[in-house]
C-alpha atoms as a PDB file:
ATOM      1  CA  MET A   1     -38.643 290.744 141.794  1.00  0.00           C
ATOM      2  CA  ASP A   2     -41.430 288.402 141.094  1.00  0.00           C
ATOM      3  CA  SER A   3     -41.167 285.122 139.779  1.00  0.00           C
ATOM      4  CA  LYS A   4     -42.163 286.119 136.086  1.00  0.00           C
ATOM      5  CA  SER A   5     -39.482 288.694 135.884  1.00  0.00           C
ATOM      6  CA  ALA A   6     -36.857 286.309 137.276  1.00  0.00           C
ATOM      7  CA  MET A   7     -37.783 283.758 134.677  1.00  0.00           C
ATOM      8  CA  ASP A   8     -37.494 286.401 132.018  1.00  0.00           C
ATOM      9  CA  LEU A   9     -34.224 287.323 133.062  1.00  0.00           C
ATOM     10  CA  GLY A  10     -32.972 283.905 133.230  1.00  0.00           C
ATOM     11  CA  VAL A  11     -34.195 283.049 129.890  1.00  0.00           C
ATOM     12  CA  ALA A  12     -32.365 286.288 128.427  1.00  0.00           C
ATOM     13  CA  ILE A  13     -29.141 285.467 130.250  1.00  0.00           C
ATOM     14  CA  ALA A  14     -29.583 281.697 128.879  1.00  0.00           C
ATOM     15  CA  LEU A  15     -30.071 282.926 125.417  1.00  0.00           C
ATOM     16  CA  ALA A  16     -27.037 285.331 125.522  1.00  0.00           C
ATOM     17  CA  ALA A  17     -24.780 282.508 127.103  1.00  0.00           C
ATOM     18  CA  ALA A  18     -25.964 280.124 124.472  1.00  0.00           C
ATOM     19  CA  ALA A  19     -25.141 282.447 121.670  1.00  0.00           C
ATOM     20  CA  LEU A  20     -21.782 283.594 122.933  1.00  0.00           C
ATOM     21  CA  GLY A  21     -20.784 279.966 123.497  1.00  0.00           C
ATOM     22  CA  SER A  22     -21.863 279.094 120.246  1.00  0.00           C
ATOM     23  CA  THR A  23     -19.993 282.039 118.544  1.00  0.00           C
ATOM     24  CA  ILE A  24     -16.839 281.070 120.376  1.00  0.00           C
ATOM     25  CA  GLY A  25     -17.192 277.307 119.258  1.00  0.00           C
ATOM     26  CA  LEU A  26     -17.806 278.236 115.722  1.00  0.00           C
ATOM     27  CA  GLY A  27     -14.861 280.436 115.739  1.00  0.00           C
ATOM     28  CA  VAL A  28     -12.527 277.816 117.132  1.00  0.00           C
ATOM     29  CA  ALA A  29     -13.988 274.890 114.803  1.00  0.00           C
ATOM     30  CA  VAL A  30     -13.482 277.115 111.658  1.00  0.00           C
ATOM     31  CA  SER A  31     -10.062 278.377 112.693  1.00  0.00           C
ATOM     32  CA  SER A  32      -8.923 274.760 113.427  1.00  0.00           C
ATOM     33  CA  ALA A  33     -10.271 273.597 110.138  1.00  0.00           C
ATOM     34  CA  LEU A  34      -8.683 276.101 108.190  1.00  0.00           C
ATOM     35  CA  GLY A  35      -5.398 275.405 109.931  1.00  0.00           C
ATOM     36  CA  ALA A  36      -5.628 271.800 109.061  1.00  0.00           C
ATOM     37  CA  ILE A  37      -6.702 272.484 105.484  1.00  0.00           C
ATOM     38  CA  SER A  38      -3.547 274.559 105.136  1.00  0.00           C
ATOM     39  CA  ARG A  39      -1.278 271.752 106.569  1.00  0.00           C
ATOM     40  CA  GLN A  40      -2.896 268.864 104.363  1.00  0.00           C
ATOM     41  CA  PRO A  41      -4.653 270.293 101.350  1.00  0.00           C
ATOM     42  CA  GLU A  42      -5.258 266.828  99.993  1.00  0.00           C
ATOM     43  CA  ALA A  43      -7.592 266.116 103.005  1.00  0.00           C
ATOM     44  CA  ASN A  44      -9.834 269.354 101.977  1.00  0.00           C
ATOM     45  CA  ASN A  45     -13.060 267.383 101.532  1.00  0.00           C
ATOM     46  CA  LYS A  46     -12.997 265.176 104.788  1.00  0.00           C
ATOM     47  CA  ILE A  47     -12.019 268.224 107.092  1.00  0.00           C
ATOM     48  CA  MET A  48     -14.756 270.417 105.499  1.00  0.00           C
ATOM     49  CA  MET A  49     -17.474 267.939 105.790  1.00  0.00           C
ATOM     50  CA  SER A  50     -16.485 267.056 109.641  1.00  0.00           C
ATOM     51  CA  MET A  51     -16.310 270.920 110.218  1.00  0.00           C
ATOM     52  CA  ILE A  52     -19.915 271.549 108.621  1.00  0.00           C
ATOM     53  CA  ILE A  53     -21.198 268.677 110.688  1.00  0.00           C
ATOM     54  CA  GLY A  54     -19.597 270.000 113.911  1.00  0.00           C
ATOM     55  CA  CYS A  55     -20.919 273.619 113.140  1.00  0.00           C
ATOM     56  CA  ALA A  56     -24.455 272.056 112.861  1.00  0.00           C
ATOM     57  CA  PHE A  57     -24.202 270.541 116.234  1.00  0.00           C
ATOM     58  CA  ILE A  58     -22.824 273.910 117.672  1.00  0.00           C
ATOM     59  CA  GLU A  59     -25.640 275.926 116.166  1.00  0.00           C
ATOM     60  CA  ALA A  60     -28.196 273.440 117.516  1.00  0.00           C
ATOM     61  CA  ILE A  61     -27.411 274.533 121.070  1.00  0.00           C
ATOM     62  CA  THR A  62     -28.288 278.027 120.208  1.00  0.00           C
ATOM     63  CA  ILE A  63     -31.663 277.067 118.400  1.00  0.00           C
ATOM     64  CA  TYR A  64     -32.821 274.990 121.198  1.00  0.00           C
ATOM     65  CA  VAL A  65     -32.372 277.729 123.590  1.00  0.00           C
ATOM     66  CA  LEU A  66     -34.175 280.194 121.225  1.00  0.00           C
ATOM     67  CA  VAL A  67     -36.995 277.834 120.786  1.00  0.00           C
ATOM     68  CA  PHE A  68     -37.246 277.391 124.512  1.00  0.00           C
ATOM     69  CA  ALA A  69     -37.312 281.227 124.861  1.00  0.00           C
ATOM     70  CA  PHE A  70     -40.187 281.493 122.369  1.00  0.00           C
ATOM     71  CA  MET A  71     -42.137 278.741 124.056  1.00  0.00           C
ATOM     72  CA  TYR A  72     -41.859 280.413 127.452  1.00  0.00           C
ATOM     73  CA  ALA A  73     -42.639 283.923 125.953  1.00  0.00           C
ATOM     74  CA  SER A  74     -45.964 282.508 124.502  1.00  0.00           C
ATOM     75  CA  LYS A  75     -47.213 281.523 127.883  1.00  0.00           C
END
């Protein structure tokens, strides 16, 4: 296996790991937020805003890896 093939495989594995981690993180965040809302419905707006900000940060990880994969693929 040459270095280009190894790097291609590494980028693919990194993208898959980032997507899997992002999916698990989003699932845990949304599940926890819904559980918190069910316990305290009056705090709905605060909990939803915190969850949305957290989900944006979680998704940013996957987007960064995707951008890196596209940058590497263009070389």
